Amino acid sequence: MIQKYFISLIKIIKFLLKKIGIVLISTNKEKLLYKQRDNATKKIVEIFSSNYEKGIEGIVFSKDRAIQLYSLLESYLKFVINPCKLHILYNASNSEHLKTYKELEKIISKKTELIKFCLEENTFKINLMDCISKVRSNNIFFLVDDILFLRSVDFDIVRGIDSSNYTLSLRLSPQLKRSYTARKKHQLPNFRKSTMDSQLLEFSWTESDLEWSNHWSVDGHIFSTAEIKAISEISDFNGPNSYEGILNTFDTIIINRKGLCFEESIILNLPINRVQNEFKNFSGQLSTEMLLSLWNQGSKINIDKFENYIPESTHEEHEIEFTSRNVS
């Protein structure tokens, strides 16, 4: 009698969950579905892989933060030896912000031909896929506009990474002691010298948590371009945050992949404000309107104070100093 009651209760629960779009499946069936998805993704990756040559390119996400993007690009050109091509995917919410990006594009074009700007005119996914289609290198990474490069790094090291077996992080290092987003200290994984390059350390993505388990970060992790293109093609997302969330659902593909990092973090996020509404991330309170005004006055963020700085977290709030861009 109890067994019949239990079975009836399960049927009722399943029926109610189905009404609101939730379907219960067994653990074995879930594993089978993931295996089928992963196998299909790997087949697509094999097809795409032949389209790329050895190298690396980056895609930068930016919205209403030209002055912060300027700082990222200024620090990139200052510290990166043998730099690679960057594709800037930017979104301007009004004509004033659009004007600042056009000004920034002119400034950067006089310094280098490696950095190309692309205005987000359609949905985020359509524009991102357009950027990815322009990448001809077998390795790819993403950055967001509130990042700074802190110290010299030779990108020839990054170009040589076998991203089918390793994921190199520009933001992680043994010096990190806490998580800004989780608001707590974290356990570091075990490190060993990498055989790929004497400047790199190897670790396991499964030994710790928080940032040390986030293999798919869009803050300076090096990926396989073919893999990124395949996952992006078959997934739905609305912005950088939900995009990173989607990437993290493919952890089963890279479960045995090793992590790589430098002795000291190469980049740092300066979360001085928040411009997206997908996730309510912690951030400082400097408004985009104030920063827009400072840009129009010919100012920039003083990046010199961060040179060779050793962060204790991947994200840190700092007092921001402004100086002149020497605009004539």
Protein backbone atom coordinates (compact mmCIF):
# COMPACT_ATOMS: atom_id res chain seq x y z
CA MET A 1 0.00 0.00 0.00
CA ILE A 2 2.80 2.40 0.93
CA GLN A 3 4.68 1.52 -2.27
CA LYS A 4 1.59 2.27 -4.42
CA TYR A 5 1.12 5.59 -2.61
CA PHE A 6 4.78 6.47 -3.17
CA ILE A 7 4.59 5.65 -6.90
CA SER A 8 1.42 7.74 -7.28
CA LEU A 9 3.08 10.64 -5.46
CA ILE A 10 6.10 10.47 -7.80
CA LYS A 11 3.79 10.54 -10.84
CA ILE A 12 1.97 13.59 -9.49
CA ILE A 13 5.28 15.39 -8.80
CA LYS A 14 6.55 14.58 -12.29
CA PHE A 15 3.28 15.82 -13.82
CA LEU A 16 3.41 19.12 -11.89
CA LEU A 17 7.10 19.69 -12.70
CA LYS A 18 6.45 19.00 -16.39
CA LYS A 19 3.73 21.67 -16.35
CA ILE A 20 6.34 24.29 -15.39
CA GLY A 21 8.95 23.00 -17.81
CA ILE A 22 10.95 20.71 -15.50
CA VAL A 23 11.56 17.05 -16.41
CA LEU A 24 13.07 14.56 -13.96
CA ILE A 25 15.62 12.13 -15.40
CA SER A 26 17.78 9.48 -13.80
CA THR A 27 21.46 10.05 -13.08
CA ASN A 28 22.41 7.39 -15.64
CA LYS A 29 20.30 9.05 -18.33
CA GLU A 30 21.83 12.43 -17.46
CA LYS A 31 25.32 10.99 -17.86
CA LEU A 32 24.32 9.44 -21.18
CA LEU A 33 22.95 12.76 -22.48
CA TYR A 34 26.13 14.59 -21.45
CA LYS A 35 28.26 11.91 -23.10
CA GLN A 36 26.28 12.21 -26.34
CA ARG A 37 26.54 16.02 -26.26
CA ASP A 38 30.27 15.92 -25.56
CA ASN A 39 30.93 13.38 -28.32
CA ALA A 40 28.99 15.48 -30.82
CA THR A 41 30.88 18.63 -29.72
CA LYS A 42 34.24 16.88 -30.10
CA LYS A 43 33.31 15.78 -33.64
CA ILE A 44 32.49 19.39 -34.54
CA VAL A 45 35.79 20.52 -32.98
CA GLU A 46 37.68 18.01 -35.18
CA ILE A 47 36.03 19.50 -38.28
CA PHE A 48 36.77 23.10 -37.25
CA SER A 49 40.39 22.42 -36.18
CA SER A 50 41.71 22.19 -39.73
CA ASN A 51 40.70 25.83 -40.36
CA TYR A 52 43.26 27.34 -37.95
CA GLU A 53 46.97 28.03 -37.97
CA LYS A 54 49.26 28.10 -34.93
CA GLY A 55 48.91 31.37 -33.05
CA ILE A 56 46.66 33.27 -30.70
CA GLU A 57 44.08 36.08 -30.86
CA GLY A 58 41.90 37.76 -28.27
CA ILE A 59 38.35 39.12 -28.04
CA VAL A 60 37.62 41.97 -25.62
CA PHE A 61 34.12 42.73 -24.30
CA SER A 62 33.29 46.37 -23.53
CA LYS A 63 30.16 48.39 -22.74
CA ASP A 64 29.99 52.14 -22.01
CA ARG A 65 33.52 52.11 -20.60
CA ALA A 66 35.85 53.63 -23.16
CA ILE A 67 38.11 55.11 -20.48
CA GLN A 68 38.52 51.68 -18.86
CA LEU A 69 39.04 50.01 -22.23
CA TYR A 70 41.72 52.61 -22.98
CA SER A 71 43.54 51.56 -19.79
CA LEU A 72 43.38 47.89 -20.75
CA LEU A 73 44.72 48.56 -24.24
CA GLU A 74 47.37 50.97 -22.95
CA SER A 75 48.62 48.37 -20.47
CA TYR A 76 48.43 45.64 -23.14
CA LEU A 77 50.64 47.61 -25.53
CA LYS A 78 52.99 48.55 -22.67
CA PHE A 79 53.58 45.12 -21.16
CA VAL A 80 52.91 42.47 -23.80
CA ILE A 81 55.97 41.37 -25.76
CA ASN A 82 55.12 39.93 -29.20
CA PRO A 83 51.45 40.99 -28.87
CA CYS A 84 48.67 39.35 -30.85
CA LYS A 85 45.59 40.65 -32.62
CA LEU A 86 42.68 41.83 -30.45
CA HIS A 87 39.05 42.11 -31.60
CA ILE A 88 37.12 44.69 -29.55
CA LEU A 89 33.40 43.88 -29.33
CA TYR A 90 31.82 46.99 -27.82
CA ASN A 91 28.35 48.18 -26.93
CA ALA A 92 27.40 51.86 -26.61
CA SER A 93 24.06 52.64 -24.95
CA ASN A 94 23.86 56.18 -26.39
CA SER A 95 25.50 58.54 -28.87
CA GLU A 96 27.82 60.05 -26.24
CA HIS A 97 29.35 56.68 -25.39
CA LEU A 98 29.52 55.78 -29.08
CA LYS A 99 31.48 58.98 -29.70
CA THR A 100 34.07 58.03 -27.07
CA TYR A 101 34.61 54.62 -28.65
CA LYS A 102 35.12 56.20 -32.06
CA GLU A 103 37.68 58.56 -30.53
CA LEU A 104 39.40 55.64 -28.81
CA GLU A 105 39.49 53.68 -32.06
CA LYS A 106 41.29 56.57 -33.78
CA ILE A 107 43.81 56.85 -30.92
CA ILE A 108 44.60 53.12 -30.97
CA SER A 109 44.79 52.90 -34.77
CA LYS A 110 47.69 55.36 -34.69
CA LYS A 111 49.59 53.09 -32.31
CA THR A 112 48.98 49.63 -33.78
CA GLU A 113 47.18 47.72 -36.52
CA LEU A 114 46.69 44.69 -34.27
CA ILE A 115 43.55 46.02 -32.54
CA LYS A 116 40.25 46.07 -34.45
CA PHE A 117 36.95 47.52 -33.18
CA CYS A 118 33.54 45.98 -33.82
CA LEU A 119 30.29 47.66 -32.70
CA GLU A 120 27.66 45.34 -31.20
CA GLU A 121 24.71 46.07 -33.49
CA ASN A 122 22.66 42.85 -33.31
CA THR A 123 22.28 40.30 -30.52
CA PHE A 124 25.38 39.57 -28.49
CA LYS A 125 25.61 36.02 -29.85
CA ILE A 126 25.44 37.11 -33.50
CA ASN A 127 28.17 39.70 -32.98
CA LEU A 128 30.36 37.35 -30.95
CA MET A 129 30.11 34.64 -33.62
CA ASP A 130 31.13 37.26 -36.20
CA CYS A 131 34.22 38.07 -34.10
CA ILE A 132 35.07 34.38 -33.65
CA SER A 133 34.74 33.83 -37.41
CA LYS A 134 37.50 36.41 -37.94
CA VAL A 135 39.94 34.54 -35.71
CA ARG A 136 42.42 32.52 -37.75
CA SER A 137 44.61 31.30 -34.87
CA ASN A 138 44.18 27.96 -33.10
CA ASN A 139 44.26 29.58 -29.62
CA ILE A 140 41.87 32.24 -28.36
CA PHE A 141 41.26 34.19 -25.15
CA PHE A 142 38.74 36.71 -23.85
CA LEU A 143 39.14 39.86 -21.78
CA VAL A 144 36.70 42.35 -20.28
CA ASP A 145 37.31 46.09 -20.28
CA ASP A 146 37.98 46.50 -16.56
CA ILE A 147 41.18 44.43 -16.75
CA LEU A 148 44.73 45.76 -16.59
CA PHE A 149 48.01 44.09 -17.55
CA LEU A 150 50.38 44.39 -14.61
CA ARG A 151 53.78 43.22 -15.85
CA SER A 152 55.75 42.11 -18.87
CA VAL A 153 54.73 38.86 -20.51
CA ASP A 154 55.98 37.32 -23.74
CA PHE A 155 52.99 36.14 -25.76
CA ASP A 156 55.20 33.70 -27.66
CA ILE A 157 54.87 31.55 -24.53
CA VAL A 158 51.09 31.83 -24.76
CA ARG A 159 51.12 31.04 -28.49
CA GLY A 160 52.87 27.75 -27.82
CA ILE A 161 50.25 26.38 -25.41
CA ASP A 162 48.62 23.10 -26.40
CA SER A 163 45.08 24.15 -25.49
CA SER A 164 43.70 20.68 -26.16
CA ASN A 165 45.56 19.44 -23.06
CA TYR A 166 46.21 22.60 -21.01
CA THR A 167 44.42 25.80 -20.07
CA LEU A 168 46.70 28.72 -19.29
CA SER A 169 45.30 31.45 -17.04
CA LEU A 170 46.74 34.96 -17.17
CA ARG A 171 44.94 35.96 -13.97
CA LEU A 172 45.80 33.09 -11.59
CA SER A 173 49.00 32.75 -9.55
CA PRO A 174 50.16 31.20 -6.24
CA GLN A 175 50.04 34.72 -4.76
CA LEU A 176 46.23 34.77 -4.72
CA LYS A 177 44.88 34.37 -1.19
CA ARG A 178 41.19 35.21 -1.42
CA SER A 179 38.16 35.42 -3.68
CA TYR A 180 36.66 38.87 -4.25
CA THR A 181 33.42 37.46 -5.66
CA ALA A 182 32.93 34.87 -2.88
CA ARG A 183 34.20 37.26 -0.19
CA LYS A 184 36.39 34.65 1.47
CA LYS A 185 39.84 33.06 1.48
CA HIS A 186 40.41 30.06 -0.73
CA GLN A 187 42.57 26.95 -0.73
CA LEU A 188 45.36 26.91 -3.31
CA PRO A 189 45.95 23.80 -5.41
CA ASN A 190 49.32 22.06 -5.53
CA PHE A 191 51.80 23.50 -8.03
CA ARG A 192 54.64 21.94 -9.98
CA LYS A 193 57.02 23.35 -12.57
CA SER A 194 55.69 22.94 -16.08
CA THR A 195 57.75 21.11 -18.67
CA MET A 196 56.26 23.40 -21.33
CA ASP A 197 58.09 26.52 -20.12
CA SER A 198 60.19 27.33 -17.05
CA GLN A 199 58.04 30.42 -16.33
CA LEU A 200 54.86 28.37 -15.96
CA LEU A 201 53.39 26.34 -13.10
CA GLU A 202 51.04 23.41 -13.57
CA PHE A 203 48.04 22.60 -11.37
CA SER A 204 44.79 20.62 -11.37
CA TRP A 205 41.41 22.34 -11.82
CA THR A 206 39.80 19.76 -9.52
CA GLU A 207 42.02 20.25 -6.44
CA SER A 208 40.45 23.49 -5.23
CA ASP A 209 37.33 25.64 -5.68
CA LEU A 210 36.16 29.15 -6.60
CA GLU A 211 38.52 30.77 -9.15
CA TRP A 212 40.77 27.71 -9.09
CA SER A 213 37.96 25.52 -10.41
CA ASN A 214 36.65 28.01 -12.99
CA HIS A 215 38.32 26.59 -16.06
CA TRP A 216 36.15 28.60 -18.47
CA SER A 217 36.76 32.15 -17.24
CA VAL A 218 36.48 34.88 -19.90
CA ASP A 219 39.09 36.86 -17.92
CA GLY A 220 42.29 35.83 -19.66
CA HIS A 221 42.14 32.03 -20.02
CA ILE A 222 43.61 30.50 -23.20
CA PHE A 223 41.28 28.14 -25.08
CA SER A 224 41.13 26.13 -28.28
CA THR A 225 39.47 28.32 -30.94
CA ALA A 226 37.81 25.29 -32.55
CA GLU A 227 36.38 24.27 -29.18
CA ILE A 228 35.11 27.78 -28.42
CA LYS A 229 33.52 28.08 -31.86
CA ALA A 230 31.79 24.69 -31.55
CA ILE A 231 30.38 25.37 -28.09
CA SER A 232 29.30 28.89 -29.05
CA GLU A 233 27.52 27.68 -32.19
CA ILE A 234 25.31 25.20 -30.31
CA SER A 235 24.61 27.35 -27.22
CA ASP A 236 22.33 30.26 -26.33
CA PHE A 237 23.52 33.27 -24.31
CA ASN A 238 22.79 36.99 -24.00
CA GLY A 239 26.01 38.59 -22.78
CA PRO A 240 29.52 37.90 -21.44
CA ASN A 241 28.25 36.68 -18.04
CA SER A 242 25.70 34.19 -19.38
CA TYR A 243 28.25 33.20 -22.03
CA GLU A 244 30.76 32.23 -19.33
CA GLY A 245 27.96 30.39 -17.55
CA ILE A 246 27.24 28.35 -20.68
CA LEU A 247 30.92 27.54 -21.17
CA ASN A 248 31.07 26.18 -17.62
CA THR A 249 28.38 23.61 -18.44
CA PHE A 250 30.97 21.94 -20.72
CA ASP A 251 33.33 21.03 -17.87
CA THR A 252 32.84 17.36 -18.74
CA ILE A 253 34.82 17.94 -21.94
CA ILE A 254 37.91 19.21 -20.14
CA ILE A 255 37.77 17.23 -16.88
CA ASN A 256 41.30 15.83 -17.37
CA ARG A 257 42.85 19.02 -18.72
CA LYS A 258 45.64 20.60 -16.64
CA GLY A 259 45.86 24.25 -15.61
CA LEU A 260 48.83 26.55 -16.17
CA CYS A 261 49.67 29.91 -14.63
CA PHE A 262 52.60 32.25 -14.04
CA GLU A 263 54.39 32.81 -10.71
CA GLU A 264 52.65 36.21 -10.50
CA SER A 265 49.31 37.27 -11.97
CA ILE A 266 49.68 38.92 -15.38
CA ILE A 267 46.30 40.68 -15.26
CA LEU A 268 43.94 42.11 -12.64
CA ASN A 269 40.25 43.03 -12.75
CA LEU A 270 39.50 46.50 -11.35
CA PRO A 271 35.72 46.31 -10.68
CA ILE A 272 35.17 50.04 -10.24
CA ASN A 273 31.61 49.84 -11.61
CA ARG A 274 29.04 47.50 -13.14
CA VAL A 275 27.40 48.02 -16.55
CA GLN A 276 25.58 44.69 -17.08
CA ASN A 277 22.34 43.44 -15.53
CA GLU A 278 22.73 39.69 -16.13
CA PHE A 279 24.38 39.19 -12.72
CA LYS A 280 24.63 41.55 -9.76
CA ASN A 281 28.38 41.28 -9.32
CA PHE A 282 30.17 43.17 -6.55
CA SER A 283 31.74 46.40 -7.77
CA GLY A 284 32.77 49.92 -6.90
CA GLN A 285 30.52 52.93 -7.42
CA LEU A 286 32.26 55.13 -10.02
CA SER A 287 29.49 55.87 -12.49
CA THR A 288 29.93 55.57 -16.24
CA GLU A 289 28.58 59.12 -16.55
CA MET A 290 31.39 60.50 -14.38
CA LEU A 291 33.98 58.47 -16.29
CA LEU A 292 32.49 59.67 -19.57
CA SER A 293 32.88 63.25 -18.36
CA LEU A 294 36.51 62.60 -17.40
CA TRP A 295 37.21 61.12 -20.82
CA ASN A 296 35.73 64.17 -22.52
CA GLN A 297 38.04 66.34 -20.39
CA GLY A 298 41.04 64.45 -21.79
CA SER A 299 41.69 62.25 -18.77
CA LYS A 300 42.69 58.62 -18.43
CA ILE A 301 43.21 56.17 -15.56
CA ASN A 302 46.75 56.24 -14.23
CA ILE A 303 47.97 52.69 -14.88
CA ASP A 304 51.54 53.36 -13.70
CA LYS A 305 50.61 52.79 -10.04
CA PHE A 306 49.75 49.17 -10.87
CA GLU A 307 53.01 48.31 -12.62
CA ASN A 308 54.41 45.07 -11.15
CA TYR A 309 51.70 45.05 -8.49
CA ILE A 310 51.07 41.58 -7.00
CA PRO A 311 47.34 41.05 -6.37
CA GLU A 312 45.89 38.79 -3.69
CA SER A 313 42.62 38.31 -5.56
CA THR A 314 41.64 38.13 -9.23
CA HIS A 315 39.42 41.19 -8.62
CA GLU A 316 40.39 44.07 -6.35
CA GLU A 317 38.93 47.49 -5.66
CA HIS A 318 41.54 50.25 -5.60
CA GLU A 319 41.43 54.00 -5.36
CA ILE A 320 41.59 55.17 -8.96
CA GLU A 321 43.86 58.04 -9.98
CA PHE A 322 43.35 60.01 -13.17
CA THR A 323 45.88 61.79 -15.31
CA SER A 324 45.96 63.59 -18.67
CA ARG A 325 45.93 61.71 -21.97
CA ASN A 326 47.94 64.61 -23.39
CA VAL A 327 45.21 65.36 -25.88
CA SER A 328 46.09 68.32 -28.14
